[in-house]
Amino acid sequence: MGDEQTYTITELAREFDITPRAIRFYEDQGLLTPARAGRARIYTKADRTRLKLTLRGKRLGLSLAEIRELLDMYGGVRNSASQLELFLDVLKERRAALEQQRLDIEAVLLEIDMLEQQCHALLGHNAAGAAAARAKLVRHIDGVGTGRADTD
């Protein structure tokens, strides 16, 4: 290794605010391959970069398999066309999943709003208001399956 900068597991854990156990897990998954000096692990700048990219991938919601595939493509060559195209595909899929989650969350929040209106109407002894809120909720639920959800 010569004069190359190296890191201990403790240094990397502290730098990235993760546990040494997490780093060992990524090693077990084949994402990191530190050298050994007896029982101690010795991480290179390349290992540090792989850890940083692994954590970035996790933050983006990528699976460990997707992260491993991207890291394995890296192989010392930065920004190759095939690597960038694969990464764009992964990002496109992740964006689509997040957009669907956003739609699902918005639908649930709308249902919560309608249920709250119904509860407030019932607490206020407003039977007509409760019935209107319930009817609105039923219209919304019935419309969700058809794509015509009531949003008034």
N, C-alpha and C. Protein backbone atom coordinates (compact mmCIF):
# COMPACT_ATOMS: atom_id res chain seq x y z
N MET A 1 0.82 -1.20 0.00
CA MET A 1 0.00 0.00 0.00
C MET A 1 0.86 1.25 0.00
N GLY A 2 2.09 1.18 0.47
CA GLY A 2 3.01 2.30 0.39
C GLY A 2 2.52 3.52 1.11
N ASP A 3 2.55 4.64 0.39
CA ASP A 3 2.18 5.93 0.98
C ASP A 3 0.70 6.26 0.82
N GLU A 4 -0.07 5.32 0.27
CA GLU A 4 -1.48 5.57 0.05
C GLU A 4 -2.21 5.79 1.38
N GLN A 5 -3.13 6.75 1.39
CA GLN A 5 -3.94 7.03 2.57
C GLN A 5 -4.77 5.81 2.92
N THR A 6 -4.75 5.40 4.18
CA THR A 6 -5.58 4.29 4.64
C THR A 6 -6.42 4.74 5.83
N TYR A 7 -7.43 3.94 6.12
CA TYR A 7 -8.38 4.26 7.18
C TYR A 7 -8.67 3.01 7.99
N THR A 8 -9.00 3.22 9.25
CA THR A 8 -9.47 2.12 10.08
C THR A 8 -10.99 2.09 10.02
N ILE A 9 -11.57 1.00 10.48
CA ILE A 9 -13.03 0.89 10.50
C ILE A 9 -13.63 1.96 11.42
N THR A 10 -12.93 2.27 12.50
CA THR A 10 -13.42 3.29 13.44
C THR A 10 -13.42 4.67 12.79
N GLU A 11 -12.37 4.97 12.03
CA GLU A 11 -12.30 6.27 11.37
C GLU A 11 -13.43 6.43 10.35
N LEU A 12 -13.66 5.39 9.56
CA LEU A 12 -14.73 5.47 8.56
C LEU A 12 -16.11 5.54 9.23
N ALA A 13 -16.29 4.77 10.27
CA ALA A 13 -17.58 4.80 10.99
C ALA A 13 -17.84 6.19 11.53
N ARG A 14 -16.83 6.80 12.11
CA ARG A 14 -16.98 8.14 12.67
C ARG A 14 -17.24 9.17 11.55
N GLU A 15 -16.47 9.07 10.46
CA GLU A 15 -16.62 10.03 9.36
C GLU A 15 -18.02 9.99 8.75
N PHE A 16 -18.56 8.79 8.56
CA PHE A 16 -19.86 8.65 7.89
C PHE A 16 -21.02 8.48 8.87
N ASP A 17 -20.74 8.59 10.17
CA ASP A 17 -21.77 8.50 11.20
C ASP A 17 -22.58 7.21 11.09
N ILE A 18 -21.85 6.10 10.95
CA ILE A 18 -22.47 4.78 10.94
C ILE A 18 -21.69 3.91 11.92
N THR A 19 -22.19 2.73 12.17
CA THR A 19 -21.52 1.85 13.12
C THR A 19 -20.50 0.97 12.40
N PRO A 20 -19.47 0.54 13.12
CA PRO A 20 -18.55 -0.43 12.52
C PRO A 20 -19.27 -1.69 12.05
N ARG A 21 -20.32 -2.05 12.77
CA ARG A 21 -21.10 -3.23 12.36
C ARG A 21 -21.70 -3.04 10.97
N ALA A 22 -22.17 -1.82 10.67
CA ALA A 22 -22.72 -1.54 9.33
C ALA A 22 -21.63 -1.71 8.27
N ILE A 23 -20.44 -1.24 8.57
CA ILE A 23 -19.34 -1.38 7.62
C ILE A 23 -19.01 -2.86 7.41
N ARG A 24 -18.98 -3.62 8.49
CA ARG A 24 -18.73 -5.06 8.37
C ARG A 24 -19.84 -5.74 7.57
N PHE A 25 -21.08 -5.28 7.73
CA PHE A 25 -22.20 -5.83 6.95
C PHE A 25 -21.97 -5.58 5.46
N TYR A 26 -21.59 -4.34 5.11
CA TYR A 26 -21.33 -4.04 3.70
C TYR A 26 -20.18 -4.88 3.17
N GLU A 27 -19.21 -5.16 4.03
CA GLU A 27 -18.12 -6.06 3.64
C GLU A 27 -18.66 -7.47 3.39
N ASP A 28 -19.50 -7.96 4.28
CA ASP A 28 -20.10 -9.30 4.12
C ASP A 28 -20.91 -9.39 2.82
N GLN A 29 -21.50 -8.27 2.41
CA GLN A 29 -22.31 -8.23 1.20
C GLN A 29 -21.46 -8.06 -0.06
N GLY A 30 -20.15 -7.96 0.11
CA GLY A 30 -19.25 -7.84 -1.04
C GLY A 30 -19.11 -6.44 -1.59
N LEU A 31 -19.59 -5.45 -0.85
CA LEU A 31 -19.48 -4.07 -1.32
C LEU A 31 -18.13 -3.45 -0.98
N LEU A 32 -17.49 -3.95 0.05
CA LEU A 32 -16.18 -3.47 0.48
C LEU A 32 -15.24 -4.66 0.62
N THR A 33 -13.98 -4.46 0.28
CA THR A 33 -12.99 -5.54 0.40
C THR A 33 -11.69 -4.98 0.98
N PRO A 34 -11.69 -4.68 2.28
CA PRO A 34 -10.48 -4.11 2.88
C PRO A 34 -9.35 -5.14 2.98
N ALA A 35 -8.13 -4.63 3.02
CA ALA A 35 -6.98 -5.49 3.28
C ALA A 35 -7.00 -5.83 4.76
N ARG A 36 -6.19 -6.82 5.14
CA ARG A 36 -6.12 -7.23 6.54
C ARG A 36 -4.68 -7.14 7.01
N ALA A 37 -4.54 -6.72 8.25
CA ALA A 37 -3.26 -6.78 8.95
C ALA A 37 -3.56 -7.51 10.26
N GLY A 38 -3.41 -8.82 10.23
CA GLY A 38 -3.86 -9.62 11.37
C GLY A 38 -5.37 -9.62 11.38
N ARG A 39 -5.96 -9.19 12.49
CA ARG A 39 -7.42 -9.10 12.59
C ARG A 39 -7.95 -7.73 12.19
N ALA A 40 -7.07 -6.77 12.04
CA ALA A 40 -7.50 -5.40 11.73
C ALA A 40 -7.79 -5.24 10.23
N ARG A 41 -8.81 -4.47 9.94
CA ARG A 41 -9.14 -4.15 8.56
C ARG A 41 -8.44 -2.85 8.19
N ILE A 42 -7.93 -2.80 6.98
CA ILE A 42 -7.28 -1.58 6.49
C ILE A 42 -7.99 -1.16 5.21
N TYR A 43 -8.61 0.01 5.27
CA TYR A 43 -9.40 0.50 4.15
C TYR A 43 -8.60 1.53 3.35
N THR A 44 -8.68 1.43 2.02
CA THR A 44 -8.00 2.37 1.13
C THR A 44 -8.95 3.50 0.75
N LYS A 45 -8.42 4.46 -0.02
CA LYS A 45 -9.28 5.53 -0.53
C LYS A 45 -10.38 4.96 -1.42
N ALA A 46 -10.04 3.89 -2.17
CA ALA A 46 -11.05 3.25 -3.02
C ALA A 46 -12.16 2.63 -2.17
N ASP A 47 -11.78 2.00 -1.05
CA ASP A 47 -12.79 1.45 -0.14
C ASP A 47 -13.67 2.56 0.43
N ARG A 48 -13.02 3.67 0.80
CA ARG A 48 -13.76 4.82 1.34
C ARG A 48 -14.76 5.34 0.30
N THR A 49 -14.33 5.42 -0.95
CA THR A 49 -15.22 5.88 -2.03
C THR A 49 -16.38 4.90 -2.21
N ARG A 50 -16.09 3.61 -2.20
CA ARG A 50 -17.16 2.61 -2.34
C ARG A 50 -18.16 2.71 -1.19
N LEU A 51 -17.65 2.96 0.03
CA LEU A 51 -18.55 3.13 1.17
C LEU A 51 -19.41 4.38 0.99
N LYS A 52 -18.79 5.45 0.56
CA LYS A 52 -19.53 6.70 0.33
C LYS A 52 -20.62 6.50 -0.72
N LEU A 53 -20.29 5.81 -1.81
CA LEU A 53 -21.28 5.56 -2.86
C LEU A 53 -22.36 4.59 -2.39
N THR A 54 -21.98 3.63 -1.57
CA THR A 54 -22.97 2.70 -0.99
C THR A 54 -23.98 3.46 -0.15
N LEU A 55 -23.49 4.34 0.69
CA LEU A 55 -24.39 5.12 1.56
C LEU A 55 -25.26 6.07 0.73
N ARG A 56 -24.71 6.62 -0.32
CA ARG A 56 -25.50 7.49 -1.22
C ARG A 56 -26.60 6.67 -1.89
N GLY A 57 -26.25 5.47 -2.34
CA GLY A 57 -27.24 4.59 -2.96
C GLY A 57 -28.34 4.21 -2.00
N LYS A 58 -27.98 3.91 -0.74
CA LYS A 58 -28.99 3.60 0.27
C LYS A 58 -29.91 4.80 0.49
N ARG A 59 -29.33 5.99 0.54
CA ARG A 59 -30.13 7.20 0.75
C ARG A 59 -31.11 7.40 -0.41
N LEU A 60 -30.70 6.99 -1.62
CA LEU A 60 -31.59 7.09 -2.78
C LEU A 60 -32.64 5.98 -2.79
N GLY A 61 -32.48 5.00 -1.88
CA GLY A 61 -33.44 3.91 -1.81
C GLY A 61 -33.09 2.73 -2.70
N LEU A 62 -31.85 2.65 -3.17
CA LEU A 62 -31.45 1.54 -4.01
C LEU A 62 -31.21 0.30 -3.14
N SER A 63 -31.42 -0.85 -3.73
CA SER A 63 -31.14 -2.10 -3.02
C SER A 63 -29.64 -2.34 -3.02
N LEU A 64 -29.18 -3.21 -2.12
CA LEU A 64 -27.76 -3.53 -2.09
C LEU A 64 -27.32 -4.17 -3.40
N ALA A 65 -28.20 -4.96 -4.02
CA ALA A 65 -27.87 -5.59 -5.31
C ALA A 65 -27.67 -4.52 -6.39
N GLU A 66 -28.53 -3.51 -6.41
CA GLU A 66 -28.37 -2.43 -7.38
C GLU A 66 -27.08 -1.65 -7.13
N ILE A 67 -26.80 -1.40 -5.86
CA ILE A 67 -25.58 -0.68 -5.51
C ILE A 67 -24.36 -1.50 -5.93
N ARG A 68 -24.37 -2.79 -5.65
CA ARG A 68 -23.25 -3.66 -6.01
C ARG A 68 -23.04 -3.65 -7.53
N GLU A 69 -24.13 -3.73 -8.28
CA GLU A 69 -24.03 -3.72 -9.74
C GLU A 69 -23.37 -2.43 -10.23
N LEU A 70 -23.79 -1.30 -9.66
CA LEU A 70 -23.21 -0.02 -10.06
C LEU A 70 -21.74 0.06 -9.66
N LEU A 71 -21.43 -0.39 -8.45
CA LEU A 71 -20.04 -0.35 -7.99
C LEU A 71 -19.16 -1.27 -8.82
N ASP A 72 -19.66 -2.44 -9.16
CA ASP A 72 -18.87 -3.38 -9.95
C ASP A 72 -18.60 -2.84 -11.35
N MET A 73 -19.53 -2.06 -11.88
CA MET A 73 -19.30 -1.45 -13.19
C MET A 73 -18.22 -0.38 -13.11
N TYR A 74 -18.10 0.22 -11.93
CA TYR A 74 -17.13 1.31 -11.75
C TYR A 74 -15.74 0.82 -12.11
N GLY A 75 -15.27 -0.24 -11.52
CA GLY A 75 -14.02 -0.89 -11.86
C GLY A 75 -12.88 0.04 -12.23
N GLY A 76 -12.81 1.21 -11.63
CA GLY A 76 -11.73 2.12 -11.91
C GLY A 76 -12.00 3.08 -13.06
N VAL A 77 -13.02 2.80 -13.87
CA VAL A 77 -13.33 3.66 -15.01
C VAL A 77 -14.50 4.55 -14.61
N ARG A 78 -14.25 5.83 -14.58
CA ARG A 78 -15.32 6.75 -14.19
C ARG A 78 -16.12 7.20 -15.39
N ASN A 79 -17.41 7.28 -15.20
CA ASN A 79 -18.32 7.88 -16.16
C ASN A 79 -18.29 7.23 -17.53
N SER A 80 -18.18 5.89 -17.58
CA SER A 80 -18.29 5.21 -18.86
C SER A 80 -19.75 5.30 -19.31
N ALA A 81 -19.96 5.22 -20.62
CA ALA A 81 -21.32 5.36 -21.15
C ALA A 81 -22.24 4.29 -20.59
N SER A 82 -21.78 3.04 -20.53
CA SER A 82 -22.66 1.97 -20.03
C SER A 82 -22.98 2.17 -18.55
N GLN A 83 -22.01 2.65 -17.78
CA GLN A 83 -22.24 2.91 -16.36
C GLN A 83 -23.27 4.02 -16.19
N LEU A 84 -23.12 5.09 -16.95
CA LEU A 84 -24.05 6.21 -16.84
C LEU A 84 -25.45 5.83 -17.30
N GLU A 85 -25.55 5.02 -18.36
CA GLU A 85 -26.86 4.59 -18.85
C GLU A 85 -27.56 3.71 -17.81
N LEU A 86 -26.80 2.80 -17.20
CA LEU A 86 -27.38 1.96 -16.16
C LEU A 86 -27.84 2.81 -14.99
N PHE A 87 -27.02 3.76 -14.59
CA PHE A 87 -27.38 4.62 -13.47
C PHE A 87 -28.63 5.44 -13.80
N LEU A 88 -28.73 5.93 -15.03
CA LEU A 88 -29.93 6.66 -15.43
C LEU A 88 -31.17 5.77 -15.36
N ASP A 89 -31.04 4.52 -15.78
CA ASP A 89 -32.17 3.58 -15.69
C ASP A 89 -32.58 3.35 -14.24
N VAL A 90 -31.60 3.17 -13.37
CA VAL A 90 -31.88 2.95 -11.95
C VAL A 90 -32.57 4.18 -11.37
N LEU A 91 -32.06 5.36 -11.70
CA LEU A 91 -32.67 6.60 -11.20
C LEU A 91 -34.10 6.77 -11.72
N LYS A 92 -34.33 6.42 -12.98
CA LYS A 92 -35.67 6.53 -13.56
C LYS A 92 -36.66 5.62 -12.81
N GLU A 93 -36.23 4.38 -12.54
CA GLU A 93 -37.09 3.45 -11.80
C GLU A 93 -37.36 3.96 -10.39
N ARG A 94 -36.33 4.49 -9.75
CA ARG A 94 -36.49 4.99 -8.38
C ARG A 94 -37.43 6.19 -8.36
N ARG A 95 -37.28 7.08 -9.34
CA ARG A 95 -38.17 8.25 -9.43
C ARG A 95 -39.62 7.81 -9.61
N ALA A 96 -39.86 6.83 -10.47
CA ALA A 96 -41.22 6.34 -10.70
C ALA A 96 -41.81 5.76 -9.42
N ALA A 97 -41.00 5.00 -8.68
CA ALA A 97 -41.48 4.42 -7.42
C ALA A 97 -41.82 5.52 -6.41
N LEU A 98 -40.97 6.54 -6.33
CA LEU A 98 -41.22 7.64 -5.39
C LEU A 98 -42.45 8.46 -5.80
N GLU A 99 -42.63 8.66 -7.10
CA GLU A 99 -43.83 9.39 -7.58
C GLU A 99 -45.10 8.62 -7.21
N GLN A 100 -45.07 7.30 -7.35
CA GLN A 100 -46.23 6.49 -6.98
C GLN A 100 -46.47 6.57 -5.47
N GLN A 101 -45.40 6.53 -4.69
CA GLN A 101 -45.55 6.67 -3.24
C GLN A 101 -46.16 8.02 -2.89
N ARG A 102 -45.73 9.07 -3.60
CA ARG A 102 -46.29 10.40 -3.34
C ARG A 102 -47.79 10.42 -3.62
N LEU A 103 -48.20 9.81 -4.74
CA LEU A 103 -49.63 9.75 -5.06
C LEU A 103 -50.40 8.97 -3.99
N ASP A 104 -49.82 7.85 -3.55
CA ASP A 104 -50.46 7.05 -2.51
C ASP A 104 -50.59 7.84 -1.21
N ILE A 105 -49.56 8.57 -0.84
CA ILE A 105 -49.59 9.38 0.38
C ILE A 105 -50.63 10.47 0.27
N GLU A 106 -50.69 11.14 -0.89
CA GLU A 106 -51.69 12.19 -1.08
C GLU A 106 -53.11 11.63 -0.96
N ALA A 107 -53.34 10.43 -1.49
CA ALA A 107 -54.67 9.82 -1.40
C ALA A 107 -55.03 9.50 0.05
N VAL A 108 -54.08 8.97 0.80
CA VAL A 108 -54.33 8.65 2.20
C VAL A 108 -54.57 9.92 3.01
N LEU A 109 -53.80 10.96 2.75
CA LEU A 109 -54.00 12.23 3.47
C LEU A 109 -55.38 12.81 3.18
N LEU A 110 -55.84 12.68 1.95
CA LEU A 110 -57.17 13.16 1.60
C LEU A 110 -58.23 12.37 2.37
N GLU A 111 -58.06 11.07 2.47
CA GLU A 111 -59.00 10.26 3.23
C GLU A 111 -58.98 10.64 4.71
N ILE A 112 -57.80 10.91 5.25
CA ILE A 112 -57.69 11.34 6.64
C ILE A 112 -58.43 12.66 6.83
N ASP A 113 -58.28 13.60 5.89
CA ASP A 113 -58.98 14.88 5.98
C ASP A 113 -60.49 14.66 6.03
N MET A 114 -60.99 13.78 5.18
CA MET A 114 -62.42 13.53 5.14
C MET A 114 -62.91 12.86 6.42
N LEU A 115 -62.12 11.92 6.94
CA LEU A 115 -62.50 11.27 8.20
C LEU A 115 -62.49 12.26 9.36
N GLU A 116 -61.52 13.17 9.36
CA GLU A 116 -61.47 14.20 10.41
C GLU A 116 -62.70 15.10 10.33
N GLN A 117 -63.10 15.48 9.10
CA GLN A 117 -64.30 16.30 8.93
C GLN A 117 -65.52 15.58 9.49
N GLN A 118 -65.60 14.28 9.19
CA GLN A 118 -66.74 13.50 9.68
C GLN A 118 -66.73 13.45 11.20
N CYS A 119 -65.57 13.21 11.80
CA CYS A 119 -65.47 13.13 13.27
C CYS A 119 -65.83 14.47 13.91
N HIS A 120 -65.31 15.58 13.33
CA HIS A 120 -65.62 16.90 13.89
C HIS A 120 -67.11 17.19 13.79
N ALA A 121 -67.72 16.79 12.69
CA ALA A 121 -69.16 17.01 12.53
C ALA A 121 -69.94 16.19 13.57
N LEU A 122 -69.53 14.95 13.79
CA LEU A 122 -70.20 14.11 14.78
C LEU A 122 -70.02 14.66 16.19
N LEU A 123 -68.80 15.13 16.49
CA LEU A 123 -68.55 15.71 17.82
C LEU A 123 -69.36 16.99 18.03
N GLY A 124 -69.58 17.70 16.96
CA GLY A 124 -70.37 18.92 17.05
C GLY A 124 -71.86 18.64 16.95
N HIS A 125 -72.25 17.37 17.00
CA HIS A 125 -73.66 16.96 16.91
C HIS A 125 -74.29 17.50 15.63
N ASN A 126 -73.52 17.47 14.57
CA ASN A 126 -73.98 17.95 13.27
C ASN A 126 -74.17 16.72 12.38
N ALA A 127 -75.30 16.09 12.50
CA ALA A 127 -75.58 14.86 11.76
C ALA A 127 -75.51 15.09 10.26
N ALA A 128 -76.01 16.22 9.81
CA ALA A 128 -76.00 16.51 8.37
C ALA A 128 -74.56 16.67 7.88
N GLY A 129 -73.73 17.36 8.66
CA GLY A 129 -72.32 17.54 8.28
C GLY A 129 -71.58 16.22 8.29
N ALA A 130 -71.87 15.36 9.27
CA ALA A 130 -71.23 14.04 9.34
C ALA A 130 -71.65 13.19 8.14
N ALA A 131 -72.94 13.25 7.80
CA ALA A 131 -73.43 12.47 6.66
C ALA A 131 -72.79 12.97 5.37
N ALA A 132 -72.64 14.28 5.24
CA ALA A 132 -72.01 14.84 4.04
C ALA A 132 -70.55 14.41 3.95
N ALA A 133 -69.84 14.44 5.08
CA ALA A 133 -68.43 14.02 5.10
C ALA A 133 -68.31 12.54 4.77
N ARG A 134 -69.26 11.74 5.32
CA ARG A 134 -69.22 10.30 5.04
C ARG A 134 -69.51 10.04 3.56
N ALA A 135 -70.47 10.73 3.00
CA ALA A 135 -70.80 10.55 1.59
C ALA A 135 -69.61 10.95 0.70
N LYS A 136 -68.94 12.01 1.08
CA LYS A 136 -67.76 12.45 0.33
C LYS A 136 -66.67 11.40 0.39
N LEU A 137 -66.47 10.80 1.57
CA LEU A 137 -65.46 9.76 1.73
C LEU A 137 -65.83 8.54 0.88
N VAL A 138 -67.09 8.15 0.91
CA VAL A 138 -67.53 7.00 0.12
C VAL A 138 -67.33 7.26 -1.37
N ARG A 139 -67.69 8.48 -1.83
CA ARG A 139 -67.47 8.83 -3.24
C ARG A 139 -66.00 8.75 -3.59
N HIS A 140 -65.17 9.23 -2.67
CA HIS A 140 -63.73 9.21 -2.92
C HIS A 140 -63.21 7.78 -3.02
N ILE A 141 -63.59 6.94 -2.07
CA ILE A 141 -63.12 5.55 -2.05
C ILE A 141 -63.63 4.81 -3.28
N ASP A 142 -64.89 5.02 -3.64
CA ASP A 142 -65.44 4.39 -4.84
C ASP A 142 -64.73 4.86 -6.10
N GLY A 143 -64.34 6.11 -6.12
CA GLY A 143 -63.70 6.69 -7.31
C GLY A 143 -62.23 6.34 -7.44
N VAL A 144 -61.58 5.95 -6.34
CA VAL A 144 -60.16 5.64 -6.40
C VAL A 144 -59.90 4.48 -7.34
N GLY A 145 -60.72 3.47 -7.29
CA GLY A 145 -60.53 2.31 -8.16
C GLY A 145 -60.77 2.62 -9.63
N THR A 146 -61.57 3.66 -9.91
CA THR A 146 -61.89 4.00 -11.28
C THR A 146 -61.05 5.15 -11.81
N GLY A 147 -60.23 5.75 -10.93
CA GLY A 147 -59.44 6.89 -11.35
C GLY A 147 -60.18 8.20 -11.30
N ARG A 148 -61.43 8.17 -10.76
CA ARG A 148 -62.25 9.38 -10.69
C ARG A 148 -62.50 9.75 -9.24
N ALA A 149 -61.47 9.77 -8.42
CA ALA A 149 -61.63 10.07 -7.00
C ALA A 149 -62.17 11.48 -6.80
N ASP A 150 -63.10 11.60 -5.87
CA ASP A 150 -63.68 12.91 -5.52
C ASP A 150 -62.66 13.67 -4.69
N THR A 151 -62.31 14.87 -5.14
CA THR A 151 -61.30 15.66 -4.42
C THR A 151 -61.86 16.96 -3.89
N ASP A 152 -63.18 17.15 -3.95
CA ASP A 152 -63.77 18.41 -3.44
C ASP A 152 -63.73 18.46 -1.95
